Amino acid sequence: MEPLRTSLKPGSCDDGRRKMMEDYAAGHADHLEFLARELEMRKLVPTAASAAALLATPRVGDTRETSCHVCQDDFEEEDKLRAMPCAHTFHQRCIFRVLSVNRLCPVCGYQLPADDEMP
């Protein structure tokens, strides 16, 4: 993306404003990429129930995460957890609720198969 063009001259007292505008333009491009990914993810396709049932069931402490990315609650010893093939772990109730409407990992976008993609 081309930097913003302004009438400010280098060394002027408005250098701070120029830097702020350039940072905003760079951030705006990143935001547009984020929005495009979000729109792609909104093409909601539920996960095949048979694929969701095969998710690993790790124990608390055996995961790289200490909390669920869906509900933001910390994992407790008695919680039932499920791990996606991408290794992101969630509360079972949280990830099953998400996968019932969308087959993508909420963290990285890993796709589980839909019903029509299962053998």
Protein backbone atom coordinates (compact mmCIF):
# COMPACT_ATOMS: atom_id res chain seq x y z
CA MET A 1 0.00 0.00 0.00
CA GLU A 2 1.31 3.43 -0.91
CA PRO A 3 1.95 5.76 2.05
CA LEU A 4 -0.34 8.72 2.59
CA ARG A 5 0.75 11.85 0.80
CA THR A 6 0.62 15.01 2.84
CA SER A 7 1.81 18.55 2.39
CA LEU A 8 3.95 18.29 5.52
CA LYS A 9 7.67 18.80 5.08
CA PRO A 10 10.26 16.67 6.94
CA GLY A 11 11.61 18.45 10.00
CA SER A 12 8.48 20.53 10.50
CA CYS A 13 6.65 20.59 13.82
CA ASP A 14 4.03 18.35 12.20
CA ASP A 15 6.36 15.33 11.85
CA GLY A 16 4.45 13.65 14.69
CA ARG A 17 1.18 14.10 12.83
CA ARG A 18 2.75 12.68 9.64
CA LYS A 19 3.99 9.61 11.55
CA MET A 20 0.55 9.15 13.10
CA MET A 21 -1.12 9.33 9.66
CA GLU A 22 1.36 6.85 8.16
CA ASP A 23 0.80 4.46 11.08
CA TYR A 24 -2.96 4.79 10.62
CA ALA A 25 -2.70 3.98 6.90
CA ALA A 26 -0.57 0.89 7.61
CA GLY A 27 -2.99 -0.24 10.31
CA HIS A 28 -5.94 0.37 7.99
CA ALA A 29 -4.49 -2.05 5.43
CA ASP A 30 -4.10 -4.70 8.15
CA HIS A 31 -7.67 -4.06 9.26
CA LEU A 32 -8.96 -4.54 5.70
CA GLU A 33 -7.18 -7.90 5.51
CA PHE A 34 -8.75 -8.86 8.84
CA LEU A 35 -12.22 -7.88 7.60
CA ALA A 36 -11.78 -9.90 4.40
CA ARG A 37 -10.86 -12.98 6.46
CA GLU A 38 -13.84 -12.40 8.75
CA LEU A 39 -16.19 -12.21 5.77
CA GLU A 40 -14.78 -15.48 4.43
CA MET A 41 -15.27 -17.10 7.83
CA ARG A 42 -18.88 -15.92 7.97
CA LYS A 43 -19.77 -18.42 5.25
CA LEU A 44 -20.96 -20.63 8.05
CA VAL A 45 -20.85 -24.35 7.38
CA PRO A 46 -21.40 -26.68 10.35
CA THR A 47 -18.87 -29.37 11.15
CA ALA A 48 -19.83 -32.97 10.48
CA ALA A 49 -20.99 -34.47 13.79
CA SER A 50 -18.79 -37.51 13.18
CA ALA A 51 -15.73 -35.24 12.77
CA ALA A 52 -16.50 -33.32 15.96
CA ALA A 53 -16.91 -36.58 17.88
CA LEU A 54 -13.35 -37.58 16.96
CA LEU A 55 -11.71 -34.56 18.61
CA ALA A 56 -9.08 -35.51 21.17
CA THR A 57 -9.96 -35.27 24.88
CA PRO A 58 -6.88 -33.96 26.70
CA ARG A 59 -6.68 -33.43 30.45
CA VAL A 60 -6.22 -30.05 32.09
CA GLY A 61 -2.48 -29.40 32.29
CA ASP A 62 -1.71 -31.46 29.19
CA THR A 63 -2.56 -28.56 26.87
CA ARG A 64 -0.61 -25.51 25.78
CA GLU A 65 -3.57 -23.29 26.69
CA THR A 66 -4.71 -22.57 30.23
CA SER A 67 -8.05 -21.09 29.23
CA CYS A 68 -10.77 -21.49 26.62
CA HIS A 69 -10.61 -19.04 23.71
CA VAL A 70 -14.39 -19.18 23.29
CA CYS A 71 -15.64 -18.33 26.81
CA GLN A 72 -12.31 -16.96 28.13
CA ASP A 73 -12.66 -19.00 31.39
CA ASP A 74 -9.63 -20.77 32.83
CA PHE A 75 -9.58 -24.54 32.61
CA GLU A 76 -10.47 -26.26 35.89
CA GLU A 77 -9.49 -29.81 36.86
CA GLU A 78 -13.01 -31.20 36.38
CA ASP A 79 -13.62 -29.55 32.97
CA LYS A 80 -14.18 -31.70 29.90
CA LEU A 81 -11.85 -30.48 27.16
CA ARG A 82 -11.62 -31.11 23.42
CA ALA A 83 -8.62 -30.39 21.21
CA MET A 84 -8.87 -29.55 17.54
CA PRO A 85 -6.39 -31.22 15.12
CA CYS A 86 -4.54 -27.88 15.09
CA ALA A 87 -3.89 -28.46 18.84
CA HIS A 88 -6.05 -25.58 20.12
CA THR A 89 -8.02 -26.71 23.16
CA PHE A 90 -11.45 -25.58 24.35
CA HIS A 91 -14.14 -26.56 26.82
CA GLN A 92 -16.15 -29.35 25.22
CA ARG A 93 -19.42 -27.43 25.54
CA CYS A 94 -17.87 -24.30 23.98
CA ILE A 95 -16.23 -25.91 20.95
CA PHE A 96 -19.21 -28.15 20.20
CA ARG A 97 -21.47 -25.07 20.24
CA VAL A 98 -19.11 -23.27 17.82
CA LEU A 99 -18.73 -26.30 15.54
CA SER A 100 -22.49 -26.75 15.30
CA VAL A 101 -22.61 -23.59 13.18
CA ASN A 102 -19.05 -23.15 11.88
CA ARG A 103 -16.38 -25.73 11.07
CA LEU A 104 -13.42 -23.39 11.64
CA CYS A 105 -11.16 -23.27 14.68
CA PRO A 106 -11.93 -19.97 16.46
CA VAL A 107 -8.21 -19.31 16.93
CA CYS A 108 -6.47 -20.20 13.67
CA GLY A 109 -9.23 -21.01 11.17
CA TYR A 110 -8.32 -24.71 10.74
CA GLN A 111 -11.22 -26.37 8.86
CA LEU A 112 -12.88 -29.56 10.00
CA PRO A 113 -14.83 -31.41 7.30
CA ALA A 114 -18.49 -30.67 6.67
CA ASP A 115 -21.12 -33.39 6.28
CA ASP A 116 -20.79 -33.41 2.49
CA GLU A 117 -16.99 -33.87 2.75
CA MET A 118 -17.11 -36.96 4.96
CA PRO A 119 -16.53 -40.37 3.33
